[in-house]
C-alpha atoms as a PDB file:
ATOM      1  CA  UNK A   1      55.752  48.007  71.641  1.00  0.00           C
ATOM      2  CA  UNK A   2      57.370  44.863  70.234  1.00  0.00           C
ATOM      3  CA  UNK A   3      56.068  43.655  66.923  1.00  0.00           C
ATOM      4  CA  UNK A   4      53.524  40.824  67.303  1.00  0.00           C
ATOM      5  CA  UNK A   5      53.626  37.564  65.216  1.00  0.00           C
ATOM      6  CA  UNK A   6      50.180  37.546  63.714  1.00  0.00           C
ATOM      7  CA  UNK A   7      48.482  34.161  63.963  1.00  0.00           C
ATOM      8  CA  UNK A   8      47.187  32.971  60.633  1.00  0.00           C
ATOM      9  CA  UNK A   9      44.447  30.537  59.390  1.00  0.00           C
ATOM     10  CA  UNK A  10      46.290  27.598  57.583  1.00  0.00           C
ATOM     11  CA  UNK A  11      44.720  26.422  54.417  1.00  0.00           C
ATOM     12  CA  UNK A  12      42.995  23.006  54.430  1.00  0.00           C
ATOM     13  CA  UNK A  13      45.444  20.297  53.346  1.00  0.00           C
ATOM     14  CA  UNK A  14      42.904  19.019  50.899  1.00  0.00           C
ATOM     15  CA  UNK A  15      39.884  20.315  48.907  1.00  0.00           C
ATOM     16  CA  UNK A  16      36.741  21.211  50.843  1.00  0.00           C
ATOM     17  CA  UNK A  17      34.799  18.269  49.290  1.00  0.00           C
ATOM     18  CA  UNK A  18      37.648  15.726  49.775  1.00  0.00           C
ATOM     19  CA  UNK A  19      36.273  14.103  52.960  1.00  0.00           C
ATOM     20  CA  UNK A  20      32.683  13.388  51.470  1.00  0.00           C
ATOM     21  CA  UNK A  21      30.607  11.485  52.167  1.00  0.00           C
ATOM     22  CA  UNK A  22      31.897  11.442  55.721  1.00  0.00           C
ATOM     23  CA  UNK A  23      32.132  15.179  56.228  1.00  0.00           C
ATOM     24  CA  UNK A  24      30.389  17.401  53.693  1.00  0.00           C
ATOM     25  CA  UNK A  25      31.902  20.318  51.769  1.00  0.00           C
ATOM     26  CA  UNK A  26      29.451  22.609  53.421  1.00  0.00           C
ATOM     27  CA  UNK A  27      30.522  21.632  56.999  1.00  0.00           C
ATOM     28  CA  UNK A  28      34.174  21.901  56.071  1.00  0.00           C
ATOM     29  CA  UNK A  29      33.645  25.430  54.585  1.00  0.00           C
ATOM     30  CA  UNK A  30      31.760  26.700  57.547  1.00  0.00           C
ATOM     31  CA  UNK A  31      33.960  24.964  60.136  1.00  0.00           C
ATOM     32  CA  UNK A  32      37.395  25.999  58.546  1.00  0.00           C
ATOM     33  CA  UNK A  33      36.531  29.448  57.106  1.00  0.00           C
ATOM     34  CA  UNK A  34      34.198  30.784  59.888  1.00  0.00           C
ATOM     35  CA  UNK A  35      34.762  28.834  63.080  1.00  0.00           C
ATOM     36  CA  UNK A  36      38.564  28.274  62.879  1.00  0.00           C
ATOM     37  CA  UNK A  37      39.061  31.800  61.514  1.00  0.00           C
ATOM     38  CA  UNK A  38      37.148  33.110  64.515  1.00  0.00           C
ATOM     39  CA  UNK A  39      39.609  31.518  66.873  1.00  0.00           C
ATOM     40  CA  UNK A  40      42.541  33.005  64.887  1.00  0.00           C
ATOM     41  CA  UNK A  41      40.971  36.363  65.093  1.00  0.00           C
ATOM     42  CA  UNK A  42      40.171  36.058  68.763  1.00  0.00           C
ATOM     43  CA  UNK A  43      43.846  35.012  69.585  1.00  0.00           C
ATOM     44  CA  UNK A  44      45.230  37.963  67.600  1.00  0.00           C
ATOM     45  CA  UNK A  45      42.959  40.399  69.345  1.00  0.00           C
ATOM     46  CA  UNK A  46      43.784  39.051  72.814  1.00  0.00           C
ATOM     47  CA  UNK A  47      47.479  39.181  72.131  1.00  0.00           C
ATOM     48  CA  UNK A  48      47.115  42.861  70.866  1.00  0.00           C
ATOM     49  CA  UNK A  49      45.203  43.785  73.948  1.00  0.00           C
ATOM     50  CA  UNK A  50      47.934  42.359  76.190  1.00  0.00           C
ATOM     51  CA  UNK A  51      50.638  44.057  74.276  1.00  0.00           C
ATOM     52  CA  UNK A  52      48.832  47.356  74.519  1.00  0.00           C
ATOM     53  CA  UNK A  53      48.117  46.967  78.288  1.00  0.00           C
ATOM     54  CA  UNK A  54      51.752  46.257  78.940  1.00  0.00           C
ATOM     55  CA  UNK A  55      52.778  49.418  76.998  1.00  0.00           C
ATOM     56  CA  UNK A  56      50.337  51.535  78.759  1.00  0.00           C
ATOM     57  CA  UNK A  57      51.007  50.087  82.188  1.00  0.00           C
ATOM     58  CA  UNK A  58      47.307  49.397  82.610  1.00  0.00           C
ATOM     59  CA  UNK A  59      46.348  45.775  83.335  1.00  0.00           C
ATOM     60  CA  UNK A  60      42.806  46.107  84.260  1.00  0.00           C
ATOM     61  CA  UNK A  61      41.696  43.951  81.140  1.00  0.00           C
ATOM     62  CA  UNK A  62      44.740  41.654  81.088  1.00  0.00           C
ATOM     63  CA  UNK A  63      43.194  38.703  82.968  1.00  0.00           C
ATOM     64  CA  UNK A  64      40.236  38.520  80.512  1.00  0.00           C
ATOM     65  CA  UNK A  65      42.640  38.821  77.569  1.00  0.00           C
ATOM     66  CA  UNK A  66      44.830  36.066  79.010  1.00  0.00           C
ATOM     67  CA  UNK A  67      41.739  33.803  79.241  1.00  0.00           C
ATOM     68  CA  UNK A  68      40.957  34.588  75.612  1.00  0.00           C
ATOM     69  CA  UNK A  69      44.501  33.648  74.622  1.00  0.00           C
ATOM     70  CA  UNK A  70      44.015  30.176  76.093  1.00  0.00           C
ATOM     71  CA  UNK A  71      40.593  29.618  74.727  1.00  0.00           C
ATOM     72  CA  UNK A  72      41.260  30.958  71.215  1.00  0.00           C
ATOM     73  CA  UNK A  73      44.807  29.730  71.152  1.00  0.00           C
ATOM     74  CA  UNK A  74      43.713  26.167  71.936  1.00  0.00           C
ATOM     75  CA  UNK A  75      40.903  26.423  69.469  1.00  0.00           C
ATOM     76  CA  UNK A  76      43.309  27.528  66.807  1.00  0.00           C
ATOM     77  CA  UNK A  77      45.906  24.865  67.555  1.00  0.00           C
ATOM     78  CA  UNK A  78      43.530  21.947  67.942  1.00  0.00           C
ATOM     79  CA  UNK A  79      41.668  22.794  64.721  1.00  0.00           C
ATOM     80  CA  UNK A  80      44.939  22.901  62.936  1.00  0.00           C
ATOM     81  CA  UNK A  81      45.828  19.417  64.075  1.00  0.00           C
ATOM     82  CA  UNK A  82      42.253  18.305  63.367  1.00  0.00           C
ATOM     83  CA  UNK A  83      42.461  19.239  59.603  1.00  0.00           C
ATOM     84  CA  UNK A  84      45.980  17.608  59.452  1.00  0.00           C
ATOM     85  CA  UNK A  85      45.016  14.233  61.023  1.00  0.00           C
ATOM     86  CA  UNK A  86      42.224  13.596  58.422  1.00  0.00           C
ATOM     87  CA  UNK A  87      42.888  12.712  54.799  1.00  0.00           C
ATOM     88  CA  UNK A  88      40.661  11.468  51.914  1.00  0.00           C
ATOM     89  CA  UNK A  89      42.604   8.279  51.782  1.00  0.00           C
ATOM     90  CA  UNK A  90      42.595   7.778  55.552  1.00  0.00           C
ATOM     91  CA  UNK A  91      41.039   5.206  57.742  1.00  0.00           C
ATOM     92  CA  UNK A  92      41.983   1.723  58.672  1.00  0.00           C
ATOM     93  CA  UNK A  93      44.291   1.208  61.542  1.00  0.00           C
ATOM     94  CA  UNK A  94      47.695   2.481  62.553  1.00  0.00           C
ATOM     95  CA  UNK A  95      50.826   0.374  62.077  1.00  0.00           C
ATOM     96  CA  UNK A  96      54.456   0.393  63.057  1.00  0.00           C
ATOM     97  CA  UNK A  97      55.730   1.912  66.303  1.00  0.00           C
ATOM     98  CA  UNK A  98      52.352   3.792  66.904  1.00  0.00           C
ATOM     99  CA  UNK A  99      50.383   0.535  66.606  1.00  0.00           C
ATOM    100  CA  UNK A 100      52.763  -1.233  69.022  1.00  0.00           C
ATOM    101  CA  UNK A 101      52.458   1.588  71.570  1.00  0.00           C
ATOM    102  CA  UNK A 102      48.691   1.647  71.431  1.00  0.00           C
ATOM    103  CA  UNK A 103      48.731  -2.141  72.058  1.00  0.00           C
ATOM    104  CA  UNK A 104      51.067  -1.672  74.925  1.00  0.00           C
ATOM    105  CA  UNK A 105      49.164   1.176  76.580  1.00  0.00           C
ATOM    106  CA  UNK A 106      45.493   0.201  75.834  1.00  0.00           C
ATOM    107  CA  UNK A 107      45.829  -3.563  75.346  1.00  0.00           C
ATOM    108  CA  UNK A 108      44.647  -3.620  71.722  1.00  0.00           C
ATOM    109  CA  UNK A 109      43.548  -1.144  68.945  1.00  0.00           C
ATOM    110  CA  UNK A 110      39.980  -2.190  69.894  1.00  0.00           C
ATOM    111  CA  UNK A 111      40.669  -1.216  73.497  1.00  0.00           C
ATOM    112  CA  UNK A 112      42.117   2.182  72.355  1.00  0.00           C
ATOM    113  CA  UNK A 113      39.213   2.829  69.975  1.00  0.00           C
ATOM    114  CA  UNK A 114      36.491   2.024  72.552  1.00  0.00           C
ATOM    115  CA  UNK A 115      38.236   4.291  75.063  1.00  0.00           C
ATOM    116  CA  UNK A 116      38.509   7.122  72.577  1.00  0.00           C
ATOM    117  CA  UNK A 117      34.896   6.712  71.545  1.00  0.00           C
ATOM    118  CA  UNK A 118      33.878   7.052  75.200  1.00  0.00           C
ATOM    119  CA  UNK A 119      35.957  10.369  75.474  1.00  0.00           C
ATOM    120  CA  UNK A 120      34.403  11.557  72.274  1.00  0.00           C
ATOM    121  CA  UNK A 121      30.847  10.769  73.405  1.00  0.00           C
ATOM    122  CA  UNK A 122      31.410  12.604  76.774  1.00  0.00           C
ATOM    123  CA  UNK A 123      33.360  15.646  75.759  1.00  0.00           C
ATOM    124  CA  UNK A 124      32.010  19.047  75.408  1.00  0.00           C
ATOM    125  CA  UNK A 125      34.668  20.036  72.872  1.00  0.00           C
ATOM    126  CA  UNK A 126      37.313  17.576  71.866  1.00  0.00           C
ATOM    127  CA  UNK A 127      38.493  14.034  72.181  1.00  0.00           C
ATOM    128  CA  UNK A 128      42.215  13.860  72.190  1.00  0.00           C
ATOM    129  CA  UNK A 129      44.760  11.109  71.991  1.00  0.00           C
ATOM    130  CA  UNK A 130      47.735  12.634  73.856  1.00  0.00           C
ATOM    131  CA  UNK A 131      51.274  11.580  74.829  1.00  0.00           C
ATOM    132  CA  UNK A 132      51.800  12.007  78.582  1.00  0.00           C
ATOM    133  CA  UNK A 133      55.489  12.712  79.059  1.00  0.00           C
ATOM    134  CA  UNK A 134      55.307  12.303  82.799  1.00  0.00           C
ATOM    135  CA  UNK A 135      53.803   8.814  82.839  1.00  0.00           C
ATOM    136  CA  UNK A 136      55.425   8.158  79.413  1.00  0.00           C
ATOM    137  CA  UNK A 137      52.236   6.679  77.995  1.00  0.00           C
ATOM    138  CA  UNK A 138      49.429   7.517  75.571  1.00  0.00           C
ATOM    139  CA  UNK A 139      46.071   8.535  77.091  1.00  0.00           C
ATOM    140  CA  UNK A 140      42.683   9.481  75.711  1.00  0.00           C
ATOM    141  CA  UNK A 141      41.380  12.780  77.165  1.00  0.00           C
ATOM    142  CA  UNK A 142      37.900  14.412  76.965  1.00  0.00           C
ATOM    143  CA  UNK A 143      38.331  18.172  76.771  1.00  0.00           C
ATOM    144  CA  UNK A 144      35.502  20.693  77.253  1.00  0.00           C
ATOM    145  CA  UNK A 145      35.457  23.770  75.109  1.00  0.00           C
ATOM    146  CA  UNK A 146      39.086  23.963  74.000  1.00  0.00           C
ATOM    147  CA  UNK A 147      41.145  24.114  77.291  1.00  0.00           C
ATOM    148  CA  UNK A 148      39.105  22.656  80.106  1.00  0.00           C
ATOM    149  CA  UNK A 149      40.118  19.199  81.363  1.00  0.00           C
ATOM    150  CA  UNK A 150      43.362  19.115  79.376  1.00  0.00           C
ATOM    151  CA  UNK A 151      46.303  17.348  80.982  1.00  0.00           C
ATOM    152  CA  UNK A 152      49.277  19.656  81.839  1.00  0.00           C
ATOM    153  CA  UNK A 153      52.290  18.802  79.770  1.00  0.00           C
ATOM    154  CA  UNK A 154      50.479  16.202  77.589  1.00  0.00           C
ATOM    155  CA  UNK A 155      50.885  16.571  73.731  1.00  0.00           C
ATOM    156  CA  UNK A 156      47.923  15.906  71.489  1.00  0.00           C
ATOM    157  CA  UNK A 157      48.703  13.580  68.525  1.00  0.00           C
ATOM    158  CA  UNK A 158      45.136  13.060  67.347  1.00  0.00           C
ATOM    159  CA  UNK A 159      42.244  15.468  67.805  1.00  0.00           C
ATOM    160  CA  UNK A 160      38.536  14.993  67.132  1.00  0.00           C
ATOM    161  CA  UNK A 161      36.216  18.004  67.256  1.00  0.00           C
ATOM    162  CA  UNK A 162      32.926  17.091  68.732  1.00  0.00           C
ATOM    163  CA  UNK A 163      31.489  20.644  69.066  1.00  0.00           C
ATOM    164  CA  UNK A 164      28.057  20.610  67.354  1.00  0.00           C
ATOM    165  CA  UNK A 165      29.205  22.713  64.507  1.00  0.00           C
ATOM    166  CA  UNK A 166      31.434  19.787  63.491  1.00  0.00           C
ATOM    167  CA  UNK A 167      28.691  17.402  62.646  1.00  0.00           C
ATOM    168  CA  UNK A 168      25.106  18.703  63.272  1.00  0.00           C
ATOM    169  CA  UNK A 169      24.551  19.705  59.662  1.00  0.00           C
ATOM    170  CA  UNK A 170      25.497  16.233  58.437  1.00  0.00           C
ATOM    171  CA  UNK A 171      24.360  13.969  61.232  1.00  0.00           C
ATOM    172  CA  UNK A 172      21.917  15.895  63.400  1.00  0.00           C
ATOM    173  CA  UNK A 173      22.104  14.791  67.039  1.00  0.00           C
ATOM    174  CA  UNK A 174      23.638  11.459  66.070  1.00  0.00           C
ATOM    175  CA  UNK A 175      27.141  12.197  67.390  1.00  0.00           C
ATOM    176  CA  UNK A 176      27.977   8.515  67.359  1.00  0.00           C
ATOM    177  CA  UNK A 177      27.595   8.428  63.625  1.00  0.00           C
ATOM    178  CA  UNK A 178      29.895  11.270  63.162  1.00  0.00           C
ATOM    179  CA  UNK A 179      32.537   9.606  65.370  1.00  0.00           C
ATOM    180  CA  UNK A 180      32.287   6.433  63.259  1.00  0.00           C
ATOM    181  CA  UNK A 181      32.684   8.533  60.150  1.00  0.00           C
ATOM    182  CA  UNK A 182      35.848  10.162  61.571  1.00  0.00           C
ATOM    183  CA  UNK A 183      37.543   6.850  61.717  1.00  0.00           C
ATOM    184  CA  UNK A 184      36.998   6.434  58.000  1.00  0.00           C
ATOM    185  CA  UNK A 185      39.244   9.505  57.309  1.00  0.00           C
ATOM    186  CA  UNK A 186      41.916   9.414  60.069  1.00  0.00           C
ATOM    187  CA  UNK A 187      45.350  10.126  58.642  1.00  0.00           C
ATOM    188  CA  UNK A 188      47.362   7.487  60.691  1.00  0.00           C
ATOM    189  CA  UNK A 189      50.661   8.655  58.913  1.00  0.00           C
ATOM    190  CA  UNK A 190      50.239  12.150  60.406  1.00  0.00           C
ATOM    191  CA  UNK A 191      49.334  10.753  63.886  1.00  0.00           C
ATOM    192  CA  UNK A 192      52.382   8.506  63.680  1.00  0.00           C
ATOM    193  CA  UNK A 193      54.638  11.495  62.782  1.00  0.00           C
ATOM    194  CA  UNK A 194      53.238  13.372  65.732  1.00  0.00           C
ATOM    195  CA  UNK A 195      53.924  10.447  67.935  1.00  0.00           C
ATOM    196  CA  UNK A 196      57.440   9.998  66.753  1.00  0.00           C
ATOM    197  CA  UNK A 197      58.217  13.726  67.355  1.00  0.00           C
ATOM    198  CA  UNK A 198      56.898  13.816  70.959  1.00  0.00           C
ATOM    199  CA  UNK A 199      58.545  10.553  71.892  1.00  0.00           C
ATOM    200  CA  UNK A 200      61.843  11.617  70.447  1.00  0.00           C
ATOM    201  CA  UNK A 201      61.714  14.647  72.689  1.00  0.00           C
ATOM    202  CA  UNK A 202      60.631  12.945  75.906  1.00  0.00           C
ATOM    203  CA  UNK A 203      61.762   9.331  75.892  1.00  0.00           C
END
């Protein structure tokens, strides 16, 4: 059996209390160390099952394991982006090429933000700002769980986790307050880097 590359939980790029008062130390600890770790573990387990099934020539549980790869893999990848696109010194608005593209595709920053807030309010998992390489434009996408409603081929450049474990301890049922708080810590430099990477590949 070929040796598997074991998925790993990346460390937070800042201290657990660094995003207070917008996101508490307790929420970041639970969210990163328990929830994100769970997706990493689930992905590793599913990949191991698939490898064992191929080795044994028994594929009776492979379809379920494949579903676990997409669910846990997306959970792992989107959480990693989520941590990276926040920063204690974040907030404000984007500038440069990303700001120009947001204005081109959404009419204005306010148009984009209102559109993104609508996605975040409706989603059962994530609100994503993605680059669509087919239409060659930015889009806001509400995604349920981690992988339901995603746009094939699109590349997330900004991710907001709106599962209840992201905000309920801090904000209770007031998801809108959590969404507002997220904008106070968005790391626009990271989002701009992601945007530059994908547009270099596809434009």
